[in-house]
Amino acid sequence: MGHRSKEEKDSITQAPSGPPAELPNLPEPDGHWHDIATDWYMSLRESGQAVFYQPSDWAMARYAAELMSRLLSADKDKMPNGQAVAALDSVMARLLTTEGDRRRARIELERKPAAKTAPASVTAIADYRASIGG
């Protein structure tokens, strides 16, 4: 009890990259957020790790975006508070926002082949054929 096999320890959870097929009805970014914080928050919706997010994770993401916005909007003559920067980094890591964070959590997002290898019309036809089993 409480012991994991080597196989369990070495296993990696995989998820597709890109936006999850279904996302809950998420709150929009606050209008007062700094542009970088808004971009970061919106990028989570397009990221594969979002498939693992629960409502509490999205609430944490809003908190992180708010904190990020406040840090980025602070008086430019003052250095950002080191503790606040460290806290923000910790929250972002818990949300698996970087490749390193995901590796530490043993989560791997499957890489999609480059879409620029074929014109969009060819890709759309191939996708349609795949969807009907052809």
N, C-alpha and C. Protein backbone atom coordinates (compact mmCIF):
# COMPACT_ATOMS: atom_id res chain seq x y z
N MET A 1 0.85 -1.17 0.00
CA MET A 1 0.00 0.00 0.00
C MET A 1 0.90 1.24 0.00
N GLY A 2 0.57 2.20 -0.89
CA GLY A 2 1.35 3.42 -0.96
C GLY A 2 2.60 3.29 -1.81
N HIS A 3 2.91 2.10 -2.28
CA HIS A 3 4.08 1.91 -3.12
C HIS A 3 3.64 1.82 -4.57
N ARG A 4 4.38 2.51 -5.41
CA ARG A 4 4.08 2.47 -6.83
C ARG A 4 5.10 1.58 -7.52
N SER A 5 4.63 0.89 -8.53
CA SER A 5 5.55 0.06 -9.29
C SER A 5 6.42 0.96 -10.15
N LYS A 6 7.53 0.41 -10.64
CA LYS A 6 8.42 1.18 -11.51
C LYS A 6 7.66 1.65 -12.74
N GLU A 7 6.77 0.79 -13.25
CA GLU A 7 6.00 1.14 -14.44
C GLU A 7 5.13 2.36 -14.17
N GLU A 8 4.48 2.40 -13.00
CA GLU A 8 3.65 3.55 -12.65
C GLU A 8 4.49 4.81 -12.51
N LYS A 9 5.68 4.69 -11.91
CA LYS A 9 6.55 5.84 -11.72
C LYS A 9 7.06 6.37 -13.06
N ASP A 10 7.32 5.45 -14.00
CA ASP A 10 7.89 5.85 -15.28
C ASP A 10 6.84 6.24 -16.31
N SER A 11 5.55 6.02 -16.01
CA SER A 11 4.53 6.29 -17.01
C SER A 11 4.37 7.79 -17.23
N ILE A 12 4.05 8.12 -18.47
CA ILE A 12 3.84 9.51 -18.86
C ILE A 12 2.42 9.63 -19.36
N THR A 13 1.71 10.62 -18.88
CA THR A 13 0.36 10.88 -19.35
C THR A 13 0.46 11.73 -20.60
N GLN A 14 -0.21 11.31 -21.66
CA GLN A 14 -0.17 12.06 -22.90
C GLN A 14 -1.52 12.71 -23.16
N ALA A 15 -1.45 13.87 -23.80
CA ALA A 15 -2.65 14.59 -24.20
C ALA A 15 -2.34 15.28 -25.51
N PRO A 16 -3.36 15.52 -26.32
CA PRO A 16 -3.11 16.23 -27.58
C PRO A 16 -2.71 17.67 -27.33
N SER A 17 -1.86 18.20 -28.19
CA SER A 17 -1.54 19.62 -28.08
C SER A 17 -2.68 20.41 -28.70
N GLY A 18 -2.70 21.68 -28.47
CA GLY A 18 -3.76 22.52 -28.99
C GLY A 18 -4.95 22.56 -28.06
N PRO A 19 -5.96 23.34 -28.43
CA PRO A 19 -7.09 23.53 -27.53
C PRO A 19 -7.88 22.24 -27.33
N PRO A 20 -8.36 22.01 -26.11
CA PRO A 20 -9.21 20.86 -25.86
C PRO A 20 -10.50 20.96 -26.69
N ALA A 21 -11.08 19.82 -27.01
CA ALA A 21 -12.31 19.81 -27.81
C ALA A 21 -13.44 20.56 -27.09
N GLU A 22 -13.49 20.41 -25.77
CA GLU A 22 -14.54 21.08 -25.01
C GLU A 22 -13.92 21.83 -23.84
N LEU A 23 -14.32 23.06 -23.69
CA LEU A 23 -13.90 23.86 -22.54
C LEU A 23 -15.15 24.33 -21.82
N PRO A 24 -15.07 24.44 -20.49
CA PRO A 24 -16.23 24.98 -19.77
C PRO A 24 -16.45 26.44 -20.18
N ASN A 25 -17.58 26.96 -19.83
CA ASN A 25 -17.88 28.36 -20.10
C ASN A 25 -16.98 29.21 -19.20
N LEU A 26 -15.90 29.71 -19.77
CA LEU A 26 -14.88 30.41 -18.97
C LEU A 26 -15.12 31.90 -18.95
N PRO A 27 -14.80 32.52 -17.82
CA PRO A 27 -14.91 33.98 -17.77
C PRO A 27 -13.90 34.62 -18.71
N GLU A 28 -14.30 35.71 -19.31
CA GLU A 28 -13.39 36.47 -20.18
C GLU A 28 -12.37 37.19 -19.31
N PRO A 29 -11.24 37.57 -19.90
CA PRO A 29 -10.25 38.33 -19.12
C PRO A 29 -10.85 39.65 -18.64
N ASP A 30 -10.37 40.10 -17.51
CA ASP A 30 -10.82 41.40 -17.00
C ASP A 30 -10.28 42.50 -17.91
N GLY A 31 -11.09 43.49 -18.17
CA GLY A 31 -10.70 44.58 -19.07
C GLY A 31 -9.52 45.40 -18.57
N HIS A 32 -9.27 45.38 -17.26
CA HIS A 32 -8.17 46.19 -16.72
C HIS A 32 -6.83 45.45 -16.72
N TRP A 33 -6.82 44.17 -17.09
CA TRP A 33 -5.57 43.42 -17.09
C TRP A 33 -4.59 43.98 -18.11
N HIS A 34 -3.32 43.88 -17.79
CA HIS A 34 -2.25 44.23 -18.71
C HIS A 34 -2.36 43.31 -19.92
N ASP A 35 -1.98 43.80 -21.10
CA ASP A 35 -2.09 43.02 -22.34
C ASP A 35 -1.36 41.67 -22.25
N ILE A 36 -0.19 41.65 -21.62
CA ILE A 36 0.57 40.40 -21.51
C ILE A 36 -0.18 39.39 -20.64
N ALA A 37 -0.78 39.86 -19.56
CA ALA A 37 -1.56 38.97 -18.69
C ALA A 37 -2.77 38.42 -19.43
N THR A 38 -3.43 39.26 -20.20
CA THR A 38 -4.57 38.82 -21.00
C THR A 38 -4.14 37.77 -22.02
N ASP A 39 -3.03 38.04 -22.71
CA ASP A 39 -2.52 37.08 -23.70
C ASP A 39 -2.19 35.75 -23.04
N TRP A 40 -1.57 35.79 -21.87
CA TRP A 40 -1.21 34.55 -21.17
C TRP A 40 -2.47 33.77 -20.80
N TYR A 41 -3.45 34.44 -20.23
CA TYR A 41 -4.70 33.79 -19.83
C TYR A 41 -5.39 33.16 -21.04
N MET A 42 -5.47 33.91 -22.13
CA MET A 42 -6.12 33.40 -23.33
C MET A 42 -5.33 32.24 -23.93
N SER A 43 -4.02 32.24 -23.79
CA SER A 43 -3.20 31.16 -24.34
C SER A 43 -3.51 29.82 -23.65
N LEU A 44 -3.94 29.87 -22.40
CA LEU A 44 -4.29 28.63 -21.70
C LEU A 44 -5.44 27.91 -22.39
N ARG A 45 -6.36 28.68 -22.95
CA ARG A 45 -7.51 28.09 -23.64
C ARG A 45 -7.09 27.33 -24.89
N GLU A 46 -5.93 27.70 -25.44
CA GLU A 46 -5.44 27.08 -26.67
C GLU A 46 -4.39 26.01 -26.40
N SER A 47 -4.12 25.73 -25.14
CA SER A 47 -3.03 24.83 -24.76
C SER A 47 -3.56 23.46 -24.35
N GLY A 48 -2.83 22.43 -24.74
CA GLY A 48 -3.24 21.07 -24.49
C GLY A 48 -3.43 20.71 -23.03
N GLN A 49 -2.63 21.32 -22.14
CA GLN A 49 -2.76 20.95 -20.72
C GLN A 49 -4.11 21.37 -20.15
N ALA A 50 -4.84 22.25 -20.84
CA ALA A 50 -6.14 22.69 -20.35
C ALA A 50 -7.13 21.54 -20.26
N VAL A 51 -6.86 20.44 -20.96
CA VAL A 51 -7.74 19.27 -20.88
C VAL A 51 -7.79 18.73 -19.45
N PHE A 52 -6.76 19.01 -18.65
CA PHE A 52 -6.70 18.52 -17.28
C PHE A 52 -7.32 19.50 -16.28
N TYR A 53 -7.60 20.73 -16.72
CA TYR A 53 -8.06 21.77 -15.80
C TYR A 53 -9.49 21.53 -15.30
N GLN A 54 -9.66 21.79 -14.03
CA GLN A 54 -10.96 21.80 -13.38
C GLN A 54 -11.33 23.28 -13.12
N PRO A 55 -12.57 23.56 -12.73
CA PRO A 55 -12.94 24.95 -12.46
C PRO A 55 -11.98 25.65 -11.49
N SER A 56 -11.48 24.93 -10.52
CA SER A 56 -10.55 25.55 -9.57
C SER A 56 -9.24 25.95 -10.25
N ASP A 57 -8.83 25.20 -11.28
CA ASP A 57 -7.62 25.56 -12.02
C ASP A 57 -7.84 26.85 -12.81
N TRP A 58 -9.03 26.98 -13.40
CA TRP A 58 -9.33 28.21 -14.13
C TRP A 58 -9.39 29.40 -13.17
N ALA A 59 -9.91 29.18 -11.97
CA ALA A 59 -9.91 30.25 -10.97
C ALA A 59 -8.48 30.63 -10.61
N MET A 60 -7.61 29.63 -10.49
CA MET A 60 -6.19 29.90 -10.21
C MET A 60 -5.55 30.66 -11.37
N ALA A 61 -5.94 30.33 -12.59
CA ALA A 61 -5.41 31.03 -13.76
C ALA A 61 -5.82 32.50 -13.74
N ARG A 62 -7.06 32.77 -13.34
CA ARG A 62 -7.50 34.17 -13.24
C ARG A 62 -6.71 34.90 -12.16
N TYR A 63 -6.45 34.22 -11.05
CA TYR A 63 -5.63 34.82 -9.99
C TYR A 63 -4.23 35.13 -10.53
N ALA A 64 -3.65 34.19 -11.24
CA ALA A 64 -2.30 34.40 -11.79
C ALA A 64 -2.29 35.57 -12.77
N ALA A 65 -3.31 35.66 -13.61
CA ALA A 65 -3.37 36.76 -14.58
C ALA A 65 -3.53 38.10 -13.87
N GLU A 66 -4.32 38.12 -12.81
CA GLU A 66 -4.48 39.35 -12.02
C GLU A 66 -3.15 39.76 -11.40
N LEU A 67 -2.47 38.79 -10.78
CA LEU A 67 -1.17 39.08 -10.15
C LEU A 67 -0.16 39.53 -11.21
N MET A 68 -0.13 38.83 -12.33
CA MET A 68 0.78 39.20 -13.41
C MET A 68 0.49 40.62 -13.89
N SER A 69 -0.77 40.95 -14.05
CA SER A 69 -1.16 42.27 -14.50
C SER A 69 -0.69 43.35 -13.52
N ARG A 70 -0.89 43.09 -12.24
CA ARG A 70 -0.46 44.07 -11.23
C ARG A 70 1.06 44.25 -11.24
N LEU A 71 1.79 43.15 -11.40
CA LEU A 71 3.25 43.25 -11.46
C LEU A 71 3.70 44.02 -12.69
N LEU A 72 3.08 43.75 -13.83
CA LEU A 72 3.46 44.41 -15.07
C LEU A 72 3.03 45.87 -15.10
N SER A 73 2.00 46.21 -14.35
CA SER A 73 1.49 47.58 -14.35
C SER A 73 2.07 48.42 -13.22
N ALA A 74 2.93 47.82 -12.40
CA ALA A 74 3.51 48.54 -11.26
C ALA A 74 4.36 49.70 -11.74
N ASP A 75 4.60 50.61 -10.84
CA ASP A 75 5.44 51.78 -11.12
C ASP A 75 6.75 51.32 -11.75
N LYS A 76 7.04 51.86 -12.92
CA LYS A 76 8.23 51.43 -13.68
C LYS A 76 9.54 51.77 -12.98
N ASP A 77 9.51 52.72 -12.03
CA ASP A 77 10.73 53.11 -11.32
C ASP A 77 11.07 52.12 -10.20
N LYS A 78 10.14 51.26 -9.86
CA LYS A 78 10.36 50.30 -8.77
C LYS A 78 10.59 48.91 -9.34
N MET A 79 11.47 48.19 -8.69
CA MET A 79 11.69 46.79 -9.07
C MET A 79 10.48 45.99 -8.59
N PRO A 80 10.06 44.97 -9.39
CA PRO A 80 8.96 44.13 -8.92
C PRO A 80 9.34 43.43 -7.62
N ASN A 81 8.35 43.20 -6.79
CA ASN A 81 8.55 42.51 -5.52
C ASN A 81 8.97 41.06 -5.82
N GLY A 82 10.13 40.67 -5.33
CA GLY A 82 10.67 39.33 -5.59
C GLY A 82 9.76 38.23 -5.10
N GLN A 83 9.12 38.43 -3.95
CA GLN A 83 8.21 37.41 -3.43
C GLN A 83 6.99 37.26 -4.32
N ALA A 84 6.48 38.37 -4.85
CA ALA A 84 5.32 38.31 -5.73
C ALA A 84 5.68 37.61 -7.04
N VAL A 85 6.87 37.88 -7.56
CA VAL A 85 7.32 37.23 -8.79
C VAL A 85 7.46 35.72 -8.55
N ALA A 86 8.03 35.34 -7.42
CA ALA A 86 8.19 33.92 -7.09
C ALA A 86 6.82 33.25 -6.92
N ALA A 87 5.88 33.94 -6.29
CA ALA A 87 4.53 33.39 -6.11
C ALA A 87 3.86 33.19 -7.47
N LEU A 88 4.00 34.17 -8.36
CA LEU A 88 3.42 34.05 -9.69
C LEU A 88 4.04 32.89 -10.45
N ASP A 89 5.35 32.75 -10.37
CA ASP A 89 6.04 31.64 -11.04
C ASP A 89 5.52 30.30 -10.52
N SER A 90 5.31 30.21 -9.22
CA SER A 90 4.81 28.98 -8.61
C SER A 90 3.41 28.64 -9.11
N VAL A 91 2.54 29.63 -9.18
CA VAL A 91 1.17 29.41 -9.65
C VAL A 91 1.20 28.97 -11.11
N MET A 92 2.00 29.63 -11.92
CA MET A 92 2.09 29.28 -13.33
C MET A 92 2.63 27.85 -13.51
N ALA A 93 3.58 27.46 -12.67
CA ALA A 93 4.13 26.10 -12.74
C ALA A 93 3.06 25.07 -12.39
N ARG A 94 2.23 25.37 -11.38
CA ARG A 94 1.17 24.44 -10.99
C ARG A 94 0.13 24.28 -12.09
N LEU A 95 0.03 25.28 -12.95
CA LEU A 95 -0.90 25.21 -14.09
C LEU A 95 -0.24 24.58 -15.31
N LEU A 96 0.99 24.08 -15.14
CA LEU A 96 1.70 23.34 -16.19
C LEU A 96 1.89 24.16 -17.46
N THR A 97 2.25 25.44 -17.29
CA THR A 97 2.28 26.33 -18.45
C THR A 97 3.55 26.23 -19.28
N THR A 98 4.59 25.60 -18.81
CA THR A 98 5.80 25.46 -19.62
C THR A 98 6.12 23.98 -19.84
N GLU A 99 6.92 23.73 -20.86
CA GLU A 99 7.34 22.36 -21.16
C GLU A 99 8.01 21.71 -19.95
N GLY A 100 8.87 22.46 -19.27
CA GLY A 100 9.55 21.92 -18.09
C GLY A 100 8.58 21.55 -16.98
N ASP A 101 7.56 22.39 -16.77
CA ASP A 101 6.54 22.09 -15.75
C ASP A 101 5.82 20.79 -16.09
N ARG A 102 5.48 20.64 -17.37
CA ARG A 102 4.76 19.43 -17.79
C ARG A 102 5.66 18.19 -17.66
N ARG A 103 6.92 18.32 -17.98
CA ARG A 103 7.84 17.17 -17.84
C ARG A 103 7.95 16.74 -16.38
N ARG A 104 8.05 17.70 -15.49
CA ARG A 104 8.13 17.36 -14.06
C ARG A 104 6.86 16.66 -13.60
N ALA A 105 5.72 17.00 -14.19
CA ALA A 105 4.45 16.37 -13.84
C ALA A 105 4.21 15.10 -14.67
N ARG A 106 5.18 14.76 -15.51
CA ARG A 106 5.12 13.57 -16.37
C ARG A 106 3.93 13.63 -17.32
N ILE A 107 3.73 14.83 -17.89
CA ILE A 107 2.69 15.04 -18.89
C ILE A 107 3.37 15.46 -20.18
N GLU A 108 2.96 14.83 -21.26
CA GLU A 108 3.54 15.14 -22.56
C GLU A 108 2.42 15.48 -23.52
N LEU A 109 2.56 16.63 -24.18
CA LEU A 109 1.59 17.01 -25.19
C LEU A 109 2.08 16.51 -26.53
N GLU A 110 1.23 15.77 -27.24
CA GLU A 110 1.61 15.22 -28.53
C GLU A 110 1.83 16.36 -29.51
N ARG A 111 2.91 16.25 -30.24
CA ARG A 111 3.23 17.27 -31.24
C ARG A 111 2.40 17.03 -32.49
N LYS A 112 1.82 18.09 -33.01
CA LYS A 112 1.10 17.98 -34.27
C LYS A 112 2.08 18.26 -35.40
N PRO A 113 1.95 17.57 -36.53
CA PRO A 113 2.83 17.88 -37.64
C PRO A 113 2.59 19.31 -38.12
N ALA A 114 3.61 19.91 -38.69
CA ALA A 114 3.50 21.29 -39.16
C ALA A 114 2.39 21.38 -40.19
N ALA A 115 1.49 22.32 -39.99
CA ALA A 115 0.35 22.47 -40.89
C ALA A 115 0.73 23.16 -42.19
N LYS A 116 1.91 23.77 -42.24
CA LYS A 116 2.31 24.54 -43.41
C LYS A 116 2.85 23.66 -44.53
N THR A 117 2.88 22.35 -44.35
CA THR A 117 3.44 21.47 -45.37
C THR A 117 2.50 21.30 -46.55
N ALA A 118 1.22 21.59 -46.38
CA ALA A 118 0.26 21.46 -47.47
C ALA A 118 -0.71 22.63 -47.40
N PRO A 119 -1.25 23.03 -48.56
CA PRO A 119 -2.25 24.11 -48.54
C PRO A 119 -3.44 23.73 -47.67
N ALA A 120 -4.08 24.72 -47.12
CA ALA A 120 -5.21 24.48 -46.22
C ALA A 120 -6.30 23.65 -46.87
N SER A 121 -6.55 23.87 -48.17
CA SER A 121 -7.61 23.12 -48.85
C SER A 121 -7.27 21.64 -48.90
N VAL A 122 -6.00 21.31 -49.11
CA VAL A 122 -5.58 19.90 -49.15
C VAL A 122 -5.71 19.29 -47.76
N THR A 123 -5.29 20.03 -46.75
CA THR A 123 -5.41 19.55 -45.37
C THR A 123 -6.87 19.33 -45.01
N ALA A 124 -7.75 20.24 -45.40
CA ALA A 124 -9.18 20.12 -45.09
C ALA A 124 -9.76 18.87 -45.75
N ILE A 125 -9.38 18.61 -46.99
CA ILE A 125 -9.88 17.42 -47.69
C ILE A 125 -9.39 16.16 -46.98
N ALA A 126 -8.11 16.16 -46.59
CA ALA A 126 -7.54 14.99 -45.89
C ALA A 126 -8.25 14.77 -44.56
N ASP A 127 -8.53 15.86 -43.84
CA ASP A 127 -9.24 15.75 -42.56
C ASP A 127 -10.65 15.20 -42.78
N TYR A 128 -11.31 15.68 -43.83
CA TYR A 128 -12.67 15.21 -44.13
C TYR A 128 -12.65 13.72 -44.46
N ARG A 129 -11.71 13.31 -45.30
CA ARG A 129 -11.60 11.89 -45.65
C ARG A 129 -11.36 11.03 -44.42
N ALA A 130 -10.46 11.52 -43.52
CA ALA A 130 -10.17 10.77 -42.29
C ALA A 130 -11.42 10.66 -41.43
N SER A 131 -12.24 11.72 -41.41
CA SER A 131 -13.43 11.71 -40.54
C SER A 131 -14.50 10.75 -41.04
N ILE A 132 -14.52 10.47 -42.36
CA ILE A 132 -15.52 9.53 -42.88
C ILE A 132 -14.93 8.14 -43.10
N GLY A 133 -13.67 7.99 -42.65
CA GLY A 133 -13.05 6.67 -42.71
C GLY A 133 -12.48 6.34 -44.07
N GLY A 134 -12.19 7.35 -44.88
CA GLY A 134 -11.69 7.09 -46.24
C GLY A 134 -10.23 7.22 -46.39
